C-alpha cells in the first residue's frame, strides 16, 4: 500500500473513531445537549479535527448521509438482474432488507433509541427532510431524462420513505421487529404494485409490462440500446451496485 493509501486509511479510521465516539453521547444525552467539544474529548482529538471531518454537528450524527443520498439512484442505474423496471428494483431491495431484518433500516438493537433521539431534535428532523430531498433529486437524475422523471422519482422515493416512517412508528410503539418486517414487506409489495407489477409480456427483444401505471418499456429499450461509458472505453460494463 502506497503513502496515499495509508493516508486515506488513517483518515477513514479517524473519521470512524469520531463517529463511534459521538453516537453513544447523542443517544444517552440528546443531540442538542451534546457539544462538539465533548465529542472531541471522547474521541481523543481536537475540536478542529472533528470539524475537519464533519462540518456540522448534524453531519456527525448522520455520518453516512452521502451514502444514503445516493442509495436509491444506485439501485436503478444500472438495473440489477431480475428487476424489470426501476420500481421493481427499489421494491425488491426494500423487501429484501426487511426480510433479513437489516439494522440499517432500524430493525436492530438500539434502533428505538436512535429514532427517539431524532424525534426529539428539531435540527435532526430538519436534516432528515433535507436528506430525503437529496435522495429524490439523485434518483430523478438516475432515471432516463424525461419530463416525468422528477415525478416518478418522487413517487418511488416517497413510497420508500413512507415505509421507513411506518417502520419507525412501529418500532417506537414497541412492536416486535419480526412482526414489523413481515407486515411492511406485505404492505410495500402492495403499495409498489401500481407502479410496476412486473407482469412480463414478451414483445420482441424488449420486455413489456401489463397493468403498469408507468410505461417503463421505453426505459428498458433505451438502457438496452445505449452502451455505457465502460463499454466505450473497452472495458466490460460494471455490475449492479
Foldseek 3Di string as FASTA:
>chain_A
DDPVVVVVVVLVVLLVLLLVQPVVVCLVPALVVDDLCNSCVSSVHHSVSNCVQPVDSLCSPVVPLVCLLQVLLLCVVPPAPPQQHSLSSLLVVLLVCLVVQPVVLQRDPPSLSSLVRQVVDPVSVVVVVVSLVSSLVSNLVSAPDDPCSSVVSCLSSVLVVVLSVVLNVCVNVPHRSNVSSVVSNVVSLVSSCQQAVPPWDDDPPFTFGPNHPDGCRVRRVVVVPDDDPCVVVVHDDDHRD
